[in-house]
């Protein structure tokens, strides 16, 4: 639970930072208006939308559901993670 809370906190902190930096980047991308006969919004769609779609497809195929399926973990790490998940499930409240 500690690691999940920490990851969630980092994710929440990163959101306003990425919005701030993304807005600046979007402004520069919109300035590409007319390059290769594409409008600024089309550049924005290609340069910000296409990588998101590609990353989503890659994640769909390579993200593992359980520690048992993670090739990049050794057996000791898989067992430790499985034990931690089982402990958390024992203490989890059932919400109707």
PDB file of N, CA and C in Angstrom:
ATOM      1  N   UNK A   1       0.828  -1.191   0.000  1.00  0.00           N
ATOM      2  CA  UNK A   1       0.000   0.000   0.000  1.00  0.00           C
ATOM      3  C   UNK A   1       0.871   1.253   0.000  1.00  0.00           C
ATOM      4  N   UNK A   2       2.006   1.183   0.714  1.00  0.00           N
ATOM      5  CA  UNK A   2       2.907   2.335   0.776  1.00  0.00           C
ATOM      6  C   UNK A   2       3.419   2.680  -0.613  1.00  0.00           C
ATOM      7  N   UNK A   3       3.856   1.669  -1.352  1.00  0.00           N
ATOM      8  CA  UNK A   3       4.413   1.918  -2.683  1.00  0.00           C
ATOM      9  C   UNK A   3       3.342   2.435  -3.643  1.00  0.00           C
ATOM     10  N   UNK A   4       2.133   1.917  -3.507  1.00  0.00           N
ATOM     11  CA  UNK A   4       1.044   2.368  -4.363  1.00  0.00           C
ATOM     12  C   UNK A   4       0.694   3.823  -4.060  1.00  0.00           C
ATOM     13  N   UNK A   5       0.659   4.174  -2.778  1.00  0.00           N
ATOM     14  CA  UNK A   5       0.351   5.556  -2.398  1.00  0.00           C
ATOM     15  C   UNK A   5       1.431   6.506  -2.897  1.00  0.00           C
ATOM     16  N   UNK A   6       2.670   6.086  -2.810  1.00  0.00           N
ATOM     17  CA  UNK A   6       3.783   6.921  -3.283  1.00  0.00           C
ATOM     18  C   UNK A   6       3.706   7.116  -4.804  1.00  0.00           C
ATOM     19  N   UNK A   7       3.443   6.036  -5.533  1.00  0.00           N
ATOM     20  CA  UNK A   7       3.320   6.133  -6.988  1.00  0.00           C
ATOM     21  C   UNK A   7       2.142   7.029  -7.372  1.00  0.00           C
ATOM     22  N   UNK A   8       1.037   6.907  -6.652  1.00  0.00           N
ATOM     23  CA  UNK A   8      -0.133   7.735  -6.912  1.00  0.00           C
ATOM     24  C   UNK A   8       0.174   9.210  -6.649  1.00  0.00           C
ATOM     25  N   UNK A   9       0.903   9.491  -5.573  1.00  0.00           N
ATOM     26  CA  UNK A   9       1.266  10.872  -5.254  1.00  0.00           C
ATOM     27  C   UNK A   9       2.163  11.465  -6.337  1.00  0.00           C
ATOM     28  N   UNK A  10       3.136  10.702  -6.802  1.00  0.00           N
ATOM     29  CA  UNK A  10       4.016  11.192  -7.868  1.00  0.00           C
ATOM     30  C   UNK A  10       3.231  11.442  -9.151  1.00  0.00           C
ATOM     31  N   UNK A  11       2.286  10.575  -9.437  1.00  0.00           N
ATOM     32  CA  UNK A  11       1.444  10.748 -10.617  1.00  0.00           C
ATOM     33  C   UNK A  11       0.625  12.030 -10.508  1.00  0.00           C
ATOM     34  N   UNK A  12       0.053  12.276  -9.345  1.00  0.00           N
ATOM     35  CA  UNK A  12      -0.763  13.477  -9.137  1.00  0.00           C
ATOM     36  C   UNK A  12       0.080  14.751  -9.195  1.00  0.00           C
ATOM     37  N   UNK A  13       1.305  14.688  -8.697  1.00  0.00           N
ATOM     38  CA  UNK A  13       2.194  15.846  -8.764  1.00  0.00           C
ATOM     39  C   UNK A  13       2.620  16.111 -10.203  1.00  0.00           C
ATOM     40  N   UNK A  14       2.804  15.051 -10.977  1.00  0.00           N
ATOM     41  CA  UNK A  14       3.279  15.202 -12.351  1.00  0.00           C
ATOM     42  C   UNK A  14       2.231  15.824 -13.268  1.00  0.00           C
ATOM     43  N   UNK A  15       0.954  15.654 -12.950  1.00  0.00           N
ATOM     44  CA  UNK A  15      -0.094  16.155 -13.850  1.00  0.00           C
ATOM     45  C   UNK A  15      -0.032  17.667 -14.064  1.00  0.00           C
ATOM     46  N   UNK A  16       0.022  18.513 -13.017  1.00  0.00           N
ATOM     47  CA  UNK A  16       0.090  19.952 -13.297  1.00  0.00           C
ATOM     48  C   UNK A  16       1.398  20.367 -13.970  1.00  0.00           C
ATOM     49  N   UNK A  17       2.480  19.660 -13.653  1.00  0.00           N
ATOM     50  CA  UNK A  17       3.765  19.981 -14.281  1.00  0.00           C
ATOM     51  C   UNK A  17       3.698  19.691 -15.778  1.00  0.00           C
ATOM     52  N   UNK A  18       3.142  18.544 -16.148  1.00  0.00           N
ATOM     53  CA  UNK A  18       3.040  18.219 -17.568  1.00  0.00           C
ATOM     54  C   UNK A  18       2.074  19.144 -18.293  1.00  0.00           C
ATOM     55  N   UNK A  19       1.032  19.596 -17.610  1.00  0.00           N
ATOM     56  CA  UNK A  19       0.116  20.549 -18.247  1.00  0.00           C
ATOM     57  C   UNK A  19       0.825  21.874 -18.514  1.00  0.00           C
ATOM     58  N   UNK A  20       1.644  22.294 -17.566  1.00  0.00           N
ATOM     59  CA  UNK A  20       2.366  23.541 -17.735  1.00  0.00           C
ATOM     60  C   UNK A  20       3.360  23.433 -18.898  1.00  0.00           C
ATOM     61  N   UNK A  21       4.153  22.373 -18.903  1.00  0.00           N
ATOM     62  CA  UNK A  21       5.147  22.207 -19.960  1.00  0.00           C
ATOM     63  C   UNK A  21       4.490  21.863 -21.295  1.00  0.00           C
ATOM     64  N   UNK A  22       3.415  21.080 -21.247  1.00  0.00           N
ATOM     65  CA  UNK A  22       2.709  20.719 -22.471  1.00  0.00           C
ATOM     66  C   UNK A  22       2.077  21.914 -23.154  1.00  0.00           C
ATOM     67  N   UNK A  23       1.608  22.869 -22.374  1.00  0.00           N
ATOM     68  CA  UNK A  23       1.014  24.078 -22.957  1.00  0.00           C
ATOM     69  C   UNK A  23       2.057  24.888 -23.712  1.00  0.00           C
ATOM     70  N   UNK A  24       3.233  24.990 -23.128  1.00  0.00           N
ATOM     71  CA  UNK A  24       4.320  25.719 -23.797  1.00  0.00           C
ATOM     72  C   UNK A  24       4.712  25.004 -25.085  1.00  0.00           C
ATOM     73  N   UNK A  25       4.873  23.684 -25.002  1.00  0.00           N
ATOM     74  CA  UNK A  25       5.232  22.893 -26.180  1.00  0.00           C
ATOM     75  C   UNK A  25       4.159  23.002 -27.259  1.00  0.00           C
ATOM     76  N   UNK A  26       2.903  22.973 -26.864  1.00  0.00           N
ATOM     77  CA  UNK A  26       1.803  23.078 -27.829  1.00  0.00           C
ATOM     78  C   UNK A  26       1.839  24.415 -28.556  1.00  0.00           C
ATOM     79  N   UNK A  27       2.194  25.464 -27.850  1.00  0.00           N
ATOM     80  CA  UNK A  27       2.312  26.772 -28.485  1.00  0.00           C
ATOM     81  C   UNK A  27       3.373  26.782 -29.574  1.00  0.00           C
ATOM     82  N   UNK A  28       4.508  26.158 -29.294  1.00  0.00           N
ATOM     83  CA  UNK A  28       5.570  26.076 -30.299  1.00  0.00           C
ATOM     84  C   UNK A  28       5.149  25.198 -31.484  1.00  0.00           C
ATOM     85  N   UNK A  29       4.443  24.121 -31.195  1.00  0.00           N
ATOM     86  CA  UNK A  29       3.985  23.245 -32.282  1.00  0.00           C
ATOM     87  C   UNK A  29       2.968  23.967 -33.158  1.00  0.00           C
ATOM     88  N   UNK A  30       2.072  24.738 -32.555  1.00  0.00           N
ATOM     89  CA  UNK A  30       1.092  25.496 -33.340  1.00  0.00           C
ATOM     90  C   UNK A  30       1.768  26.519 -34.243  1.00  0.00           C
ATOM     91  N   UNK A  31       2.968  26.961 -33.867  1.00  0.00           N
ATOM     92  CA  UNK A  31       3.708  27.919 -34.685  1.00  0.00           C
ATOM     93  C   UNK A  31       4.247  27.280 -35.965  1.00  0.00           C
ATOM     94  N   UNK A  32       4.167  25.974 -36.093  1.00  0.00           N
ATOM     95  CA  UNK A  32       4.601  25.294 -37.317  1.00  0.00           C
ATOM     96  C   UNK A  32       3.574  25.426 -38.442  1.00  0.00           C
ATOM     97  N   UNK A  33       2.553  26.229 -38.227  1.00  0.00           N
ATOM     98  CA  UNK A  33       1.474  26.432 -39.194  1.00  0.00           C
ATOM     99  C   UNK A  33       2.046  26.764 -40.571  1.00  0.00           C
ATOM    100  N   UNK A  34       1.649  25.987 -41.583  1.00  0.00           N
ATOM    101  CA  UNK A  34       2.089  26.233 -42.951  1.00  0.00           C
ATOM    102  C   UNK A  34       3.253  25.359 -43.388  1.00  0.00           C
ATOM    103  N   UNK A  35       3.975  24.777 -42.457  1.00  0.00           N
ATOM    104  CA  UNK A  35       5.097  23.912 -42.807  1.00  0.00           C
ATOM    105  C   UNK A  35       4.558  22.637 -43.443  1.00  0.00           C
ATOM    106  N   UNK A  36       5.059  22.297 -44.629  1.00  0.00           N
ATOM    107  CA  UNK A  36       4.629  21.117 -45.386  1.00  0.00           C
ATOM    108  C   UNK A  36       3.119  21.116 -45.627  1.00  0.00           C
ATOM    109  N   UNK A  37       2.564  22.301 -45.816  1.00  0.00           N
ATOM    110  CA  UNK A  37       1.131  22.484 -46.093  1.00  0.00           C
ATOM    111  C   UNK A  37       0.215  21.902 -45.019  1.00  0.00           C
ATOM    112  N   UNK A  38       0.671  21.874 -43.794  1.00  0.00           N
ATOM    113  CA  UNK A  38      -0.162  21.430 -42.676  1.00  0.00           C
ATOM    114  C   UNK A  38      -0.463  22.613 -41.775  1.00  0.00           C
ATOM    115  N   UNK A  39      -1.670  22.670 -41.278  1.00  0.00           N
ATOM    116  CA  UNK A  39      -2.055  23.709 -40.319  1.00  0.00           C
ATOM    117  C   UNK A  39      -1.440  23.390 -38.961  1.00  0.00           C
ATOM    118  N   UNK A  40      -1.412  24.377 -38.098  1.00  0.00           N
ATOM    119  CA  UNK A  40      -0.846  24.193 -36.767  1.00  0.00           C
ATOM    120  C   UNK A  40      -1.553  23.114 -35.970  1.00  0.00           C
ATOM    121  N   UNK A  41      -2.890  23.070 -36.059  1.00  0.00           N
ATOM    122  CA  UNK A  41      -3.632  22.056 -35.308  1.00  0.00           C
ATOM    123  C   UNK A  41      -3.328  20.658 -35.824  1.00  0.00           C
ATOM    124  N   UNK A  42      -3.023  20.545 -37.132  1.00  0.00           N
ATOM    125  CA  UNK A  42      -2.681  19.233 -37.679  1.00  0.00           C
ATOM    126  C   UNK A  42      -1.318  18.766 -37.161  1.00  0.00           C
ATOM    127  N   UNK A  43      -0.372  19.712 -37.063  1.00  0.00           N
ATOM    128  CA  UNK A  43       0.924  19.383 -36.469  1.00  0.00           C
ATOM    129  C   UNK A  43       0.748  18.951 -35.016  1.00  0.00           C
ATOM    130  N   UNK A  44      -0.094  19.672 -34.314  1.00  0.00           N
ATOM    131  CA  UNK A  44      -0.357  19.342 -32.910  1.00  0.00           C
ATOM    132  C   UNK A  44      -0.947  17.937 -32.791  1.00  0.00           C
ATOM    133  N   UNK A  45      -1.878  17.618 -33.656  1.00  0.00           N
ATOM    134  CA  UNK A  45      -2.497  16.295 -33.656  1.00  0.00           C
ATOM    135  C   UNK A  45      -1.455  15.207 -33.920  1.00  0.00           C
ATOM    136  N   UNK A  46      -0.586  15.441 -34.906  1.00  0.00           N
ATOM    137  CA  UNK A  46       0.426  14.440 -35.254  1.00  0.00           C
ATOM    138  C   UNK A  46       1.496  14.288 -34.177  1.00  0.00           C
ATOM    139  N   UNK A  47       2.036  15.404 -33.706  1.00  0.00           N
ATOM    140  CA  UNK A  47       3.178  15.340 -32.790  1.00  0.00           C
ATOM    141  C   UNK A  47       2.799  15.010 -31.355  1.00  0.00           C
ATOM    142  N   UNK A  48       1.565  15.276 -30.961  1.00  0.00           N
ATOM    143  CA  UNK A  48       1.158  14.943 -29.592  1.00  0.00           C
ATOM    144  C   UNK A  48       0.202  13.755 -29.545  1.00  0.00           C
ATOM    145  N   UNK A  49      -0.584  13.560 -30.569  1.00  0.00           N
ATOM    146  CA  UNK A  49      -1.549  12.470 -30.557  1.00  0.00           C
ATOM    147  C   UNK A  49      -0.976  11.135 -30.992  1.00  0.00           C
ATOM    148  N   UNK A  50      -0.181  11.157 -32.046  1.00  0.00           N
ATOM    149  CA  UNK A  50       0.360   9.910 -32.579  1.00  0.00           C
ATOM    150  C   UNK A  50       1.248   9.164 -31.575  1.00  0.00           C
ATOM    151  N   UNK A  51       2.173   9.840 -30.879  1.00  0.00           N
ATOM    152  CA  UNK A  51       2.965   9.111 -29.875  1.00  0.00           C
ATOM    153  C   UNK A  51       2.104   8.506 -28.763  1.00  0.00           C
ATOM    154  N   UNK A  52       1.031   9.177 -28.393  1.00  0.00           N
ATOM    155  CA  UNK A  52       0.144   8.637 -27.356  1.00  0.00           C
ATOM    156  C   UNK A  52      -0.524   7.350 -27.814  1.00  0.00           C
ATOM    157  N   UNK A  53      -0.965   7.324 -29.053  1.00  0.00           N
ATOM    158  CA  UNK A  53      -1.606   6.124 -29.590  1.00  0.00           C
ATOM    159  C   UNK A  53      -0.597   4.980 -29.688  1.00  0.00           C
ATOM    160  N   UNK A  54       0.599   5.274 -30.181  1.00  0.00           N
ATOM    161  CA  UNK A  54       1.638   4.243 -30.300  1.00  0.00           C
ATOM    162  C   UNK A  54       2.001   3.698 -28.922  1.00  0.00           C
ATOM    163  N   UNK A  55       2.184   4.580 -27.944  1.00  0.00           N
ATOM    164  CA  UNK A  55       2.512   4.139 -26.591  1.00  0.00           C
ATOM    165  C   UNK A  55       1.381   3.306 -25.996  1.00  0.00           C
ATOM    166  N   UNK A  56       0.145   3.671 -26.273  1.00  0.00           N
ATOM    167  CA  UNK A  56      -0.988   2.893 -25.788  1.00  0.00           C
ATOM    168  C   UNK A  56      -1.003   1.484 -26.350  1.00  0.00           C
ATOM    169  N   UNK A  57      -0.715   1.343 -27.634  1.00  0.00           N
ATOM    170  CA  UNK A  57      -0.680   0.017 -28.256  1.00  0.00           C
ATOM    171  C   UNK A  57       0.478  -0.807 -27.698  1.00  0.00           C
ATOM    172  N   UNK A  58       1.647  -0.196 -27.571  1.00  0.00           N
ATOM    173  CA  UNK A  58       2.805  -0.903 -27.014  1.00  0.00           C
ATOM    174  C   UNK A  58       2.513  -1.348 -25.589  1.00  0.00           C
ATOM    175  N   UNK A  59       1.921  -0.477 -24.792  1.00  0.00           N
ATOM    176  CA  UNK A  59       1.584  -0.811 -23.406  1.00  0.00           C
ATOM    177  C   UNK A  59       0.590  -1.958 -23.347  1.00  0.00           C
ATOM    178  N   UNK A  60      -0.379  -1.968 -24.238  1.00  0.00           N
ATOM    179  CA  UNK A  60      -1.389  -3.025 -24.266  1.00  0.00           C
ATOM    180  C   UNK A  60      -0.730  -4.402 -24.416  1.00  0.00           C
ATOM    181  N   UNK A  61       0.315  -4.482 -25.233  1.00  0.00           N
ATOM    182  CA  UNK A  61       0.946  -5.774 -25.489  1.00  0.00           C
ATOM    183  C   UNK A  61       2.024  -6.144 -24.475  1.00  0.00           C
ATOM    184  N   UNK A  62       2.660  -5.165 -23.834  1.00  0.00           N
ATOM    185  CA  UNK A  62       3.802  -5.476 -22.981  1.00  0.00           C
ATOM    186  C   UNK A  62       3.558  -5.311 -21.487  1.00  0.00           C
ATOM    187  N   UNK A  63       2.445  -4.700 -21.085  1.00  0.00           N
ATOM    188  CA  UNK A  63       2.165  -4.535 -19.665  1.00  0.00           C
ATOM    189  C   UNK A  63       1.593  -5.837 -19.115  1.00  0.00           C
ATOM    190  N   UNK A  64       2.167  -6.312 -18.018  1.00  0.00           N
ATOM    191  CA  UNK A  64       1.760  -7.598 -17.448  1.00  0.00           C
ATOM    192  C   UNK A  64       0.641  -7.421 -16.439  1.00  0.00           C
ATOM    193  N   UNK A  65      -0.239  -8.420 -16.354  1.00  0.00           N
ATOM    194  CA  UNK A  65      -1.355  -8.389 -15.416  1.00  0.00           C
ATOM    195  C   UNK A  65      -0.940  -8.760 -13.998  1.00  0.00           C
ATOM    196  N   UNK A  66      -0.053  -9.713 -13.876  1.00  0.00           N
ATOM    197  CA  UNK A  66       0.366 -10.199 -12.561  1.00  0.00           C
ATOM    198  C   UNK A  66       1.882 -10.306 -12.522  1.00  0.00           C
ATOM    199  N   UNK A  67       2.467 -10.339 -11.324  1.00  0.00           N
ATOM    200  CA  UNK A  67       3.921 -10.509 -11.227  1.00  0.00           C
ATOM    201  C   UNK A  67       4.398 -11.826 -11.843  1.00  0.00           C
ATOM    202  N   UNK A  68       3.545 -12.849 -11.840  1.00  0.00           N
ATOM    203  CA  UNK A  68       3.937 -14.141 -12.409  1.00  0.00           C
ATOM    204  C   UNK A  68       4.264 -14.047 -13.897  1.00  0.00           C
ATOM    205  N   UNK A  69       3.629 -13.116 -14.590  1.00  0.00           N
ATOM    206  CA  UNK A  69       3.824 -12.983 -16.035  1.00  0.00           C
ATOM    207  C   UNK A  69       4.939 -12.000 -16.404  1.00  0.00           C
ATOM    208  N   UNK A  70       5.530 -11.334 -15.413  1.00  0.00           N
ATOM    209  CA  UNK A  70       6.565 -10.328 -15.684  1.00  0.00           C
ATOM    210  C   UNK A  70       7.905 -11.015 -15.941  1.00  0.00           C
ATOM    211  N   UNK A  71       8.360 -10.976 -17.180  1.00  0.00           N
ATOM    212  CA  UNK A  71       9.631 -11.611 -17.555  1.00  0.00           C
ATOM    213  C   UNK A  71      10.831 -10.915 -16.928  1.00  0.00           C
ATOM    214  N   UNK A  72      10.704  -9.651 -16.633  1.00  0.00           N
ATOM    215  CA  UNK A  72      11.825  -8.856 -16.157  1.00  0.00           C
ATOM    216  C   UNK A  72      12.043  -8.982 -14.655  1.00  0.00           C
ATOM    217  N   UNK A  73      11.210  -9.753 -13.954  1.00  0.00           N
ATOM    218  CA  UNK A  73      11.402 -10.011 -12.528  1.00  0.00           C
ATOM    219  C   UNK A  73      12.000 -11.397 -12.343  1.00  0.00           C
ATOM    220  N   UNK A  74      12.926 -11.525 -11.385  1.00  0.00           N
ATOM    221  CA  UNK A  74      13.409 -12.876 -11.078  1.00  0.00           C
ATOM    222  C   UNK A  74      12.411 -13.554 -10.136  1.00  0.00           C
ATOM    223  N   UNK A  75      12.604 -14.838  -9.888  1.00  0.00           N
ATOM    224  CA  UNK A  75      11.631 -15.609  -9.102  1.00  0.00           C
ATOM    225  C   UNK A  75      11.456 -15.066  -7.691  1.00  0.00           C
ATOM    226  N   UNK A  76      12.539 -14.605  -7.085  1.00  0.00           N
ATOM    227  CA  UNK A  76      12.462 -14.063  -5.723  1.00  0.00           C
ATOM    228  C   UNK A  76      11.589 -12.809  -5.685  1.00  0.00           C
ATOM    229  N   UNK A  77      11.769 -11.927  -6.657  1.00  0.00           N
ATOM    230  CA  UNK A  77      10.962 -10.705  -6.723  1.00  0.00           C
ATOM    231  C   UNK A  77       9.490 -11.029  -7.003  1.00  0.00           C
ATOM    232  N   UNK A  78       9.252 -12.004  -7.865  1.00  0.00           N
ATOM    233  CA  UNK A  78       7.871 -12.404  -8.159  1.00  0.00           C
ATOM    234  C   UNK A  78       7.176 -12.922  -6.904  1.00  0.00           C
ATOM    235  N   UNK A  79       7.882 -13.755  -6.142  1.00  0.00           N
ATOM    236  CA  UNK A  79       7.301 -14.313  -4.920  1.00  0.00           C
ATOM    237  C   UNK A  79       7.046 -13.224  -3.880  1.00  0.00           C
ATOM    238  N   UNK A  80       7.990 -12.272  -3.758  1.00  0.00           N
ATOM    239  CA  UNK A  80       7.818 -11.184  -2.792  1.00  0.00           C
ATOM    240  C   UNK A  80       6.610 -10.320  -3.156  1.00  0.00           C
ATOM    241  N   UNK A  81       6.474  -9.992  -4.421  1.00  0.00           N
ATOM    242  CA  UNK A  81       5.328  -9.184  -4.857  1.00  0.00           C
ATOM    243  C   UNK A  81       4.011  -9.932  -4.678  1.00  0.00           C
ATOM    244  N   UNK A  82       4.011 -11.208  -5.006  1.00  0.00           N
ATOM    245  CA  UNK A  82       2.793 -12.004  -4.840  1.00  0.00           C
ATOM    246  C   UNK A  82       2.397 -12.078  -3.367  1.00  0.00           C
ATOM    247  N   UNK A  83       3.379 -12.236  -2.478  1.00  0.00           N
ATOM    248  CA  UNK A  83       3.092 -12.272  -1.038  1.00  0.00           C
ATOM    249  C   UNK A  83       2.529 -10.936  -0.564  1.00  0.00           C
ATOM    250  N   UNK A  84       3.090  -9.824  -1.063  1.00  0.00           N
ATOM    251  CA  UNK A  84       2.609  -8.499  -0.675  1.00  0.00           C
ATOM    252  C   UNK A  84       1.171  -8.285  -1.155  1.00  0.00           C
ATOM    253  N   UNK A  85       0.880  -8.699  -2.369  1.00  0.00           N
ATOM    254  CA  UNK A  85      -0.475  -8.555  -2.902  1.00  0.00           C
ATOM    255  C   UNK A  85      -1.453  -9.403  -2.095  1.00  0.00           C
ATOM    256  N   UNK A  86      -1.046 -10.619  -1.752  1.00  0.00           N
ATOM    257  CA  UNK A  86      -1.918 -11.496  -0.954  1.00  0.00           C
ATOM    258  C   UNK A  86      -2.189 -10.906   0.425  1.00  0.00           C
ATOM    259  N   UNK A  87      -1.154 -10.315   1.062  1.00  0.00           N
ATOM    260  CA  UNK A  87      -1.343  -9.672   2.375  1.00  0.00           C
ATOM    261  C   UNK A  87      -2.320  -8.513   2.277  1.00  0.00           C
ATOM    262  N   UNK A  88      -2.189  -7.713   1.227  1.00  0.00           N
ATOM    263  CA  UNK A  88      -3.094  -6.575   1.053  1.00  0.00           C
ATOM    264  C   UNK A  88      -4.527  -7.043   0.819  1.00  0.00           C
ATOM    265  N   UNK A  89      -4.700  -8.125   0.103  1.00  0.00           N
ATOM    266  CA  UNK A  89      -6.050  -8.647  -0.153  1.00  0.00           C
ATOM    267  C   UNK A  89      -6.703  -9.141   1.130  1.00  0.00           C
ATOM    268  N   UNK A  90      -5.902  -9.688   2.039  1.00  0.00           N
ATOM    269  CA  UNK A  90      -6.448 -10.162   3.312  1.00  0.00           C
ATOM    270  C   UNK A  90      -7.021  -9.016   4.135  1.00  0.00           C
ATOM    271  N   UNK A  91      -6.378  -7.846   4.054  1.00  0.00           N
ATOM    272  CA  UNK A  91      -6.787  -6.695   4.862  1.00  0.00           C
ATOM    273  C   UNK A  91      -7.735  -5.755   4.122  1.00  0.00           C
ATOM    274  N   UNK A  92      -8.021  -6.058   2.874  1.00  0.00           N
ATOM    275  CA  UNK A  92      -8.888  -5.180   2.090  1.00  0.00           C
ATOM    276  C   UNK A  92     -10.334  -5.322   2.549  1.00  0.00           C
ATOM    277  N   UNK A  93     -11.010  -4.209   2.568  1.00  0.00           N
ATOM    278  CA  UNK A  93     -12.429  -4.209   2.941  1.00  0.00           C
ATOM    279  C   UNK A  93     -13.266  -4.523   1.710  1.00  0.00           C
ATOM    280  N   UNK A  94     -14.306  -5.269   1.910  1.00  0.00           N
ATOM    281  CA  UNK A  94     -15.222  -5.579   0.816  1.00  0.00           C
ATOM    282  C   UNK A  94     -16.292  -4.494   0.791  1.00  0.00           C
ATOM    283  N   UNK A  95     -16.350  -3.784  -0.314  1.00  0.00           N
ATOM    284  CA  UNK A  95     -17.314  -2.697  -0.462  1.00  0.00           C
ATOM    285  C   UNK A  95     -18.434  -3.181  -1.371  1.00  0.00           C
ATOM    286  N   UNK A  96     -19.659  -3.130  -0.883  1.00  0.00           N
ATOM    287  CA  UNK A  96     -20.780  -3.615  -1.713  1.00  0.00           C
ATOM    288  C   UNK A  96     -21.054  -2.714  -2.898  1.00  0.00           C
TER     289      UNK A  96
END
